[in-house]
Amino acid sequence: MTVQYLTDTKGKKTGVLLGIKDWEKIQKKLNAEQFYEGFRESLREIKLHKQGKTKLKDAKDLFK
């Protein structure tokens, strides 16, 4: 992966420039991580519901 850094006049890094294929790989990985985190959160909510500590959300509310 080739990375170029953008800097301000003081030399502080302010951005990154990388190839589109590398960026697409990063996006794909981030999307997968977000999916799995959402799945883990759902499992935690179900566990709390089974313990009587919370109510499950209505499916209609999830799409709002």
PDB file of N, CA and C in Angstrom:
ATOM      1  N   MET A   1       0.851  -1.166   0.000  1.00  0.00           N
ATOM      2  CA  MET A   1       0.000   0.000   0.000  1.00  0.00           C
ATOM      3  C   MET A   1       0.904   1.239   0.000  1.00  0.00           C
ATOM      4  N   THR A   2       0.708   2.097  -0.979  1.00  0.00           N
ATOM      5  CA  THR A   2       1.450   3.342  -1.053  1.00  0.00           C
ATOM      6  C   THR A   2       0.610   4.459  -0.436  1.00  0.00           C
ATOM      7  N   VAL A   3       1.184   5.154   0.523  1.00  0.00           N
ATOM      8  CA  VAL A   3       0.476   6.207   1.238  1.00  0.00           C
ATOM      9  C   VAL A   3       1.282   7.498   1.128  1.00  0.00           C
ATOM     10  N   GLN A   4       0.578   8.590   0.841  1.00  0.00           N
ATOM     11  CA  GLN A   4       1.207   9.907   0.856  1.00  0.00           C
ATOM     12  C   GLN A   4       0.472  10.740   1.895  1.00  0.00           C
ATOM     13  N   TYR A   5       1.224  11.496   2.668  1.00  0.00           N
ATOM     14  CA  TYR A   5       0.630  12.323   3.709  1.00  0.00           C
ATOM     15  C   TYR A   5       0.550  13.772   3.242  1.00  0.00           C
ATOM     16  N   LEU A   6      -0.538  14.427   3.564  1.00  0.00           N
ATOM     17  CA  LEU A   6      -0.697  15.856   3.316  1.00  0.00           C
ATOM     18  C   LEU A   6      -0.355  16.568   4.614  1.00  0.00           C
ATOM     19  N   THR A   7       0.407  17.643   4.522  1.00  0.00           N
ATOM     20  CA  THR A   7       0.806  18.374   5.720  1.00  0.00           C
ATOM     21  C   THR A   7       0.479  19.853   5.584  1.00  0.00           C
ATOM     22  N   ASP A   8       0.331  20.504   6.728  1.00  0.00           N
ATOM     23  CA  ASP A   8       0.113  21.951   6.718  1.00  0.00           C
ATOM     24  C   ASP A   8       1.477  22.656   6.670  1.00  0.00           C
ATOM     25  N   THR A   9       1.469  23.963   6.759  1.00  0.00           N
ATOM     26  CA  THR A   9       2.710  24.736   6.638  1.00  0.00           C
ATOM     27  C   THR A   9       3.688  24.472   7.779  1.00  0.00           C
ATOM     28  N   LYS A  10       3.183  23.917   8.883  1.00  0.00           N
ATOM     29  CA  LYS A  10       4.057  23.611  10.023  1.00  0.00           C
ATOM     30  C   LYS A  10       4.559  22.168   9.998  1.00  0.00           C
ATOM     31  N   GLY A  11       4.156  21.418   8.965  1.00  0.00           N
ATOM     32  CA  GLY A  11       4.588  20.036   8.857  1.00  0.00           C
ATOM     33  C   GLY A  11       3.685  19.042   9.565  1.00  0.00           C
ATOM     34  N   LYS A  12       2.576  19.513  10.139  1.00  0.00           N
ATOM     35  CA  LYS A  12       1.637  18.623  10.832  1.00  0.00           C
ATOM     36  C   LYS A  12       0.807  17.870   9.787  1.00  0.00           C
ATOM     37  N   LYS A  13       0.709  16.547   9.951  1.00  0.00           N
ATOM     38  CA  LYS A  13      -0.070  15.733   9.019  1.00  0.00           C
ATOM     39  C   LYS A  13      -1.548  16.103   9.141  1.00  0.00           C
ATOM     40  N   THR A  14      -2.163  16.372   7.992  1.00  0.00           N
ATOM     41  CA  THR A  14      -3.573  16.774   7.984  1.00  0.00           C
ATOM     42  C   THR A  14      -4.440  15.867   7.118  1.00  0.00           C
ATOM     43  N   GLY A  15      -3.825  14.990   6.358  1.00  0.00           N
ATOM     44  CA  GLY A  15      -4.596  14.112   5.490  1.00  0.00           C
ATOM     45  C   GLY A  15      -3.728  12.998   4.938  1.00  0.00           C
ATOM     46  N   VAL A  16      -4.408  12.084   4.231  1.00  0.00           N
ATOM     47  CA  VAL A  16      -3.724  10.932   3.655  1.00  0.00           C
ATOM     48  C   VAL A  16      -4.230  10.741   2.230  1.00  0.00           C
ATOM     49  N   LEU A  17      -3.339  10.397   1.346  1.00  0.00           N
ATOM     50  CA  LEU A  17      -3.682  10.095  -0.034  1.00  0.00           C
ATOM     51  C   LEU A  17      -3.239   8.672  -0.305  1.00  0.00           C
ATOM     52  N   LEU A  18      -4.180   7.838  -0.768  1.00  0.00           N
ATOM     53  CA  LEU A  18      -3.846   6.465  -1.090  1.00  0.00           C
ATOM     54  C   LEU A  18      -4.601   6.042  -2.332  1.00  0.00           C
ATOM     55  N   GLY A  19      -4.182   4.944  -2.915  1.00  0.00           N
ATOM     56  CA  GLY A  19      -4.810   4.445  -4.137  1.00  0.00           C
ATOM     57  C   GLY A  19      -6.249   4.015  -3.906  1.00  0.00           C
ATOM     58  N   ILE A  20      -7.049   4.086  -4.970  1.00  0.00           N
ATOM     59  CA  ILE A  20      -8.480   3.760  -4.869  1.00  0.00           C
ATOM     60  C   ILE A  20      -8.702   2.302  -4.463  1.00  0.00           C
ATOM     61  N   LYS A  21      -7.889   1.393  -4.963  1.00  0.00           N
ATOM     62  CA  LYS A  21      -8.056  -0.026  -4.593  1.00  0.00           C
ATOM     63  C   LYS A  21      -7.805  -0.225  -3.095  1.00  0.00           C
ATOM     64  N   ASP A  22      -6.796   0.459  -2.566  1.00  0.00           N
ATOM     65  CA  ASP A  22      -6.535   0.377  -1.127  1.00  0.00           C
ATOM     66  C   ASP A  22      -7.708   0.960  -0.341  1.00  0.00           C
ATOM     67  N   TRP A  23      -8.237   2.089  -0.806  1.00  0.00           N
ATOM     68  CA  TRP A  23      -9.376   2.719  -0.127  1.00  0.00           C
ATOM     69  C   TRP A  23     -10.592   1.796  -0.141  1.00  0.00           C
ATOM     70  N   GLU A  24     -10.851   1.138  -1.270  1.00  0.00           N
ATOM     71  CA  GLU A  24     -11.996   0.223  -1.363  1.00  0.00           C
ATOM     72  C   GLU A  24     -11.835  -0.961  -0.409  1.00  0.00           C
ATOM     73  N   LYS A  25     -10.610  -1.462  -0.254  1.00  0.00           N
ATOM     74  CA  LYS A  25     -10.362  -2.554   0.704  1.00  0.00           C
ATOM     75  C   LYS A  25     -10.656  -2.092   2.132  1.00  0.00           C
ATOM     76  N   ILE A  26     -10.221  -0.879   2.451  1.00  0.00           N
ATOM     77  CA  ILE A  26     -10.451  -0.330   3.792  1.00  0.00           C
ATOM     78  C   ILE A  26     -11.951  -0.162   4.035  1.00  0.00           C
ATOM     79  N   GLN A  27     -12.671   0.385   3.057  1.00  0.00           N
ATOM     80  CA  GLN A  27     -14.118   0.570   3.208  1.00  0.00           C
ATOM     81  C   GLN A  27     -14.826  -0.762   3.422  1.00  0.00           C
ATOM     82  N   LYS A  28     -14.440  -1.769   2.653  1.00  0.00           N
ATOM     83  CA  LYS A  28     -15.058  -3.088   2.776  1.00  0.00           C
ATOM     84  C   LYS A  28     -14.850  -3.651   4.177  1.00  0.00           C
ATOM     85  N   LYS A  29     -13.628  -3.502   4.674  1.00  0.00           N
ATOM     86  CA  LYS A  29     -13.312  -3.997   6.016  1.00  0.00           C
ATOM     87  C   LYS A  29     -14.101  -3.238   7.084  1.00  0.00           C
ATOM     88  N   LEU A  30     -14.198  -1.919   6.938  1.00  0.00           N
ATOM     89  CA  LEU A  30     -14.959  -1.115   7.901  1.00  0.00           C
ATOM     90  C   LEU A  30     -16.429  -1.497   7.902  1.00  0.00           C
ATOM     91  N   ASN A  31     -17.007  -1.716   6.720  1.00  0.00           N
ATOM     92  CA  ASN A  31     -18.411  -2.110   6.633  1.00  0.00           C
ATOM     93  C   ASN A  31     -18.649  -3.447   7.317  1.00  0.00           C
ATOM     94  N   ALA A  32     -17.728  -4.378   7.152  1.00  0.00           N
ATOM     95  CA  ALA A  32     -17.857  -5.684   7.805  1.00  0.00           C
ATOM     96  C   ALA A  32     -17.780  -5.522   9.320  1.00  0.00           C
ATOM     97  N   GLU A  33     -16.861  -4.689   9.796  1.00  0.00           N
ATOM     98  CA  GLU A  33     -16.723  -4.470  11.238  1.00  0.00           C
ATOM     99  C   GLU A  33     -17.987  -3.823  11.807  1.00  0.00           C
ATOM    100  N   GLN A  34     -18.578  -2.873  11.079  1.00  0.00           N
ATOM    101  CA  GLN A  34     -19.814  -2.231  11.541  1.00  0.00           C
ATOM    102  C   GLN A  34     -20.938  -3.246  11.615  1.00  0.00           C
ATOM    103  N   PHE A  35     -21.026  -4.136  10.621  1.00  0.00           N
ATOM    104  CA  PHE A  35     -22.059  -5.169  10.625  1.00  0.00           C
ATOM    105  C   PHE A  35     -21.919  -6.061  11.852  1.00  0.00           C
ATOM    106  N   TYR A  36     -20.690  -6.535  12.099  1.00  0.00           N
ATOM    107  CA  TYR A  36     -20.484  -7.441  13.225  1.00  0.00           C
ATOM    108  C   TYR A  36     -20.696  -6.754  14.567  1.00  0.00           C
ATOM    109  N   GLU A  37     -20.351  -5.479  14.671  1.00  0.00           N
ATOM    110  CA  GLU A  37     -20.602  -4.755  15.920  1.00  0.00           C
ATOM    111  C   GLU A  37     -22.108  -4.615  16.146  1.00  0.00           C
ATOM    112  N   GLY A  38     -22.855  -4.315  15.086  1.00  0.00           N
ATOM    113  CA  GLY A  38     -24.306  -4.243  15.206  1.00  0.00           C
ATOM    114  C   GLY A  38     -24.904  -5.584  15.615  1.00  0.00           C
ATOM    115  N   PHE A  39     -24.368  -6.660  15.081  1.00  0.00           N
ATOM    116  CA  PHE A  39     -24.831  -7.999  15.423  1.00  0.00           C
ATOM    117  C   PHE A  39     -24.549  -8.308  16.891  1.00  0.00           C
ATOM    118  N   ARG A  40     -23.334  -7.958  17.343  1.00  0.00           N
ATOM    119  CA  ARG A  40     -22.989  -8.188  18.760  1.00  0.00           C
ATOM    120  C   ARG A  40     -23.909  -7.381  19.675  1.00  0.00           C
ATOM    121  N   GLU A  41     -24.206  -6.147  19.295  1.00  0.00           N
ATOM    122  CA  GLU A  41     -25.102  -5.307  20.093  1.00  0.00           C
ATOM    123  C   GLU A  41     -26.496  -5.929  20.164  1.00  0.00           C
ATOM    124  N   SER A  42     -26.968  -6.479  19.059  1.00  0.00           N
ATOM    125  CA  SER A  42     -28.273  -7.147  19.048  1.00  0.00           C
ATOM    126  C   SER A  42     -28.285  -8.333  20.000  1.00  0.00           C
ATOM    127  N   LEU A  43     -27.209  -9.101  20.002  1.00  0.00           N
ATOM    128  CA  LEU A  43     -27.127 -10.245  20.912  1.00  0.00           C
ATOM    129  C   LEU A  43     -27.124  -9.795  22.370  1.00  0.00           C
ATOM    130  N   ARG A  44     -26.438  -8.673  22.663  1.00  0.00           N
ATOM    131  CA  ARG A  44     -26.431  -8.143  24.037  1.00  0.00           C
ATOM    132  C   ARG A  44     -27.851  -7.728  24.450  1.00  0.00           C
ATOM    133  N   GLU A  45     -28.578  -7.095  23.528  1.00  0.00           N
ATOM    134  CA  GLU A  45     -29.951  -6.672  23.836  1.00  0.00           C
ATOM    135  C   GLU A  45     -30.851  -7.871  24.090  1.00  0.00           C
ATOM    136  N   ILE A  46     -30.698  -8.922  23.313  1.00  0.00           N
ATOM    137  CA  ILE A  46     -31.512 -10.136  23.511  1.00  0.00           C
ATOM    138  C   ILE A  46     -31.202 -10.754  24.869  1.00  0.00           C
ATOM    139  N   LYS A  47     -29.925 -10.786  25.226  1.00  0.00           N
ATOM    140  CA  LYS A  47     -29.531 -11.354  26.526  1.00  0.00           C
ATOM    141  C   LYS A  47     -30.157 -10.555  27.668  1.00  0.00           C
ATOM    142  N   LEU A  48     -30.110  -9.222  27.572  1.00  0.00           N
ATOM    143  CA  LEU A  48     -30.719  -8.380  28.612  1.00  0.00           C
ATOM    144  C   LEU A  48     -32.229  -8.596  28.674  1.00  0.00           C
ATOM    145  N   HIS A  49     -32.854  -8.765  27.521  1.00  0.00           N
ATOM    146  CA  HIS A  49     -34.301  -9.017  27.491  1.00  0.00           C
ATOM    147  C   HIS A  49     -34.629 -10.342  28.182  1.00  0.00           C
ATOM    148  N   LYS A  50     -33.853 -11.365  27.899  1.00  0.00           N
ATOM    149  CA  LYS A  50     -34.086 -12.674  28.525  1.00  0.00           C
ATOM    150  C   LYS A  50     -33.918 -12.601  30.040  1.00  0.00           C
ATOM    151  N   GLN A  51     -33.049 -11.681  30.498  1.00  0.00           N
ATOM    152  CA  GLN A  51     -32.844 -11.502  31.926  1.00  0.00           C
ATOM    153  C   GLN A  51     -33.897 -10.580  32.536  1.00  0.00           C
ATOM    154  N   GLY A  52     -34.818 -10.081  31.721  1.00  0.00           N
ATOM    155  CA  GLY A  52     -35.871  -9.198  32.202  1.00  0.00           C
ATOM    156  C   GLY A  52     -35.395  -7.778  32.483  1.00  0.00           C
ATOM    157  N   LYS A  53     -34.253  -7.387  31.939  1.00  0.00           N
ATOM    158  CA  LYS A  53     -33.683  -6.075  32.228  1.00  0.00           C
ATOM    159  C   LYS A  53     -34.053  -5.009  31.199  1.00  0.00           C
ATOM    160  N   THR A  54     -34.611  -5.410  30.060  1.00  0.00           N
ATOM    161  CA  THR A  54     -34.977  -4.450  29.032  1.00  0.00           C
ATOM    162  C   THR A  54     -36.080  -5.004  28.143  1.00  0.00           C
ATOM    163  N   LYS A  55     -36.720  -4.112  27.412  1.00  0.00           N
ATOM    164  CA  LYS A  55     -37.715  -4.526  26.427  1.00  0.00           C
ATOM    165  C   LYS A  55     -37.079  -4.477  25.051  1.00  0.00           C
ATOM    166  N   LEU A  56     -37.505  -5.394  24.196  1.00  0.00           N
ATOM    167  CA  LEU A  56     -37.003  -5.370  22.832  1.00  0.00           C
ATOM    168  C   LEU A  56     -37.686  -4.253  22.052  1.00  0.00           C
ATOM    169  N   LYS A  57     -36.980  -3.701  21.083  1.00  0.00           N
ATOM    170  CA  LYS A  57     -37.527  -2.626  20.256  1.00  0.00           C
ATOM    171  C   LYS A  57     -38.483  -3.205  19.223  1.00  0.00           C
ATOM    172  N   ASP A  58     -39.496  -2.426  18.887  1.00  0.00           N
ATOM    173  CA  ASP A  58     -40.439  -2.810  17.846  1.00  0.00           C
ATOM    174  C   ASP A  58     -39.722  -2.702  16.496  1.00  0.00           C
ATOM    175  N   ALA A  59     -39.952  -3.662  15.604  1.00  0.00           N
ATOM    176  CA  ALA A  59     -39.280  -3.656  14.310  1.00  0.00           C
ATOM    177  C   ALA A  59     -39.571  -2.391  13.521  1.00  0.00           C
ATOM    178  N   LYS A  60     -40.760  -1.828  13.658  1.00  0.00           N
ATOM    179  CA  LYS A  60     -41.092  -0.591  12.959  1.00  0.00           C
ATOM    180  C   LYS A  60     -40.168   0.541  13.379  1.00  0.00           C
ATOM    181  N   ASP A  61     -39.830   0.581  14.680  1.00  0.00           N
ATOM    182  CA  ASP A  61     -38.963   1.634  15.190  1.00  0.00           C
ATOM    183  C   ASP A  61     -37.530   1.512  14.684  1.00  0.00           C
ATOM    184  N   LEU A  62     -37.119   0.304  14.373  1.00  0.00           N
ATOM    185  CA  LEU A  62     -35.756   0.087  13.903  1.00  0.00           C
ATOM    186  C   LEU A  62     -35.514   0.706  12.534  1.00  0.00           C
ATOM    187  N   PHE A  63     -36.574   0.851  11.735  1.00  0.00           N
ATOM    188  CA  PHE A  63     -36.423   1.375  10.378  1.00  0.00           C
ATOM    189  C   PHE A  63     -36.685   2.867  10.284  1.00  0.00           C
ATOM    190  N   LYS A  64     -36.917   3.521  11.412  1.00  0.00           N
ATOM    191  CA  LYS A  64     -37.137   4.962  11.407  1.00  0.00           C
ATOM    192  C   LYS A  64     -35.825   5.702  11.442  1.00  0.00           C
TER     193      LYS A  64
END
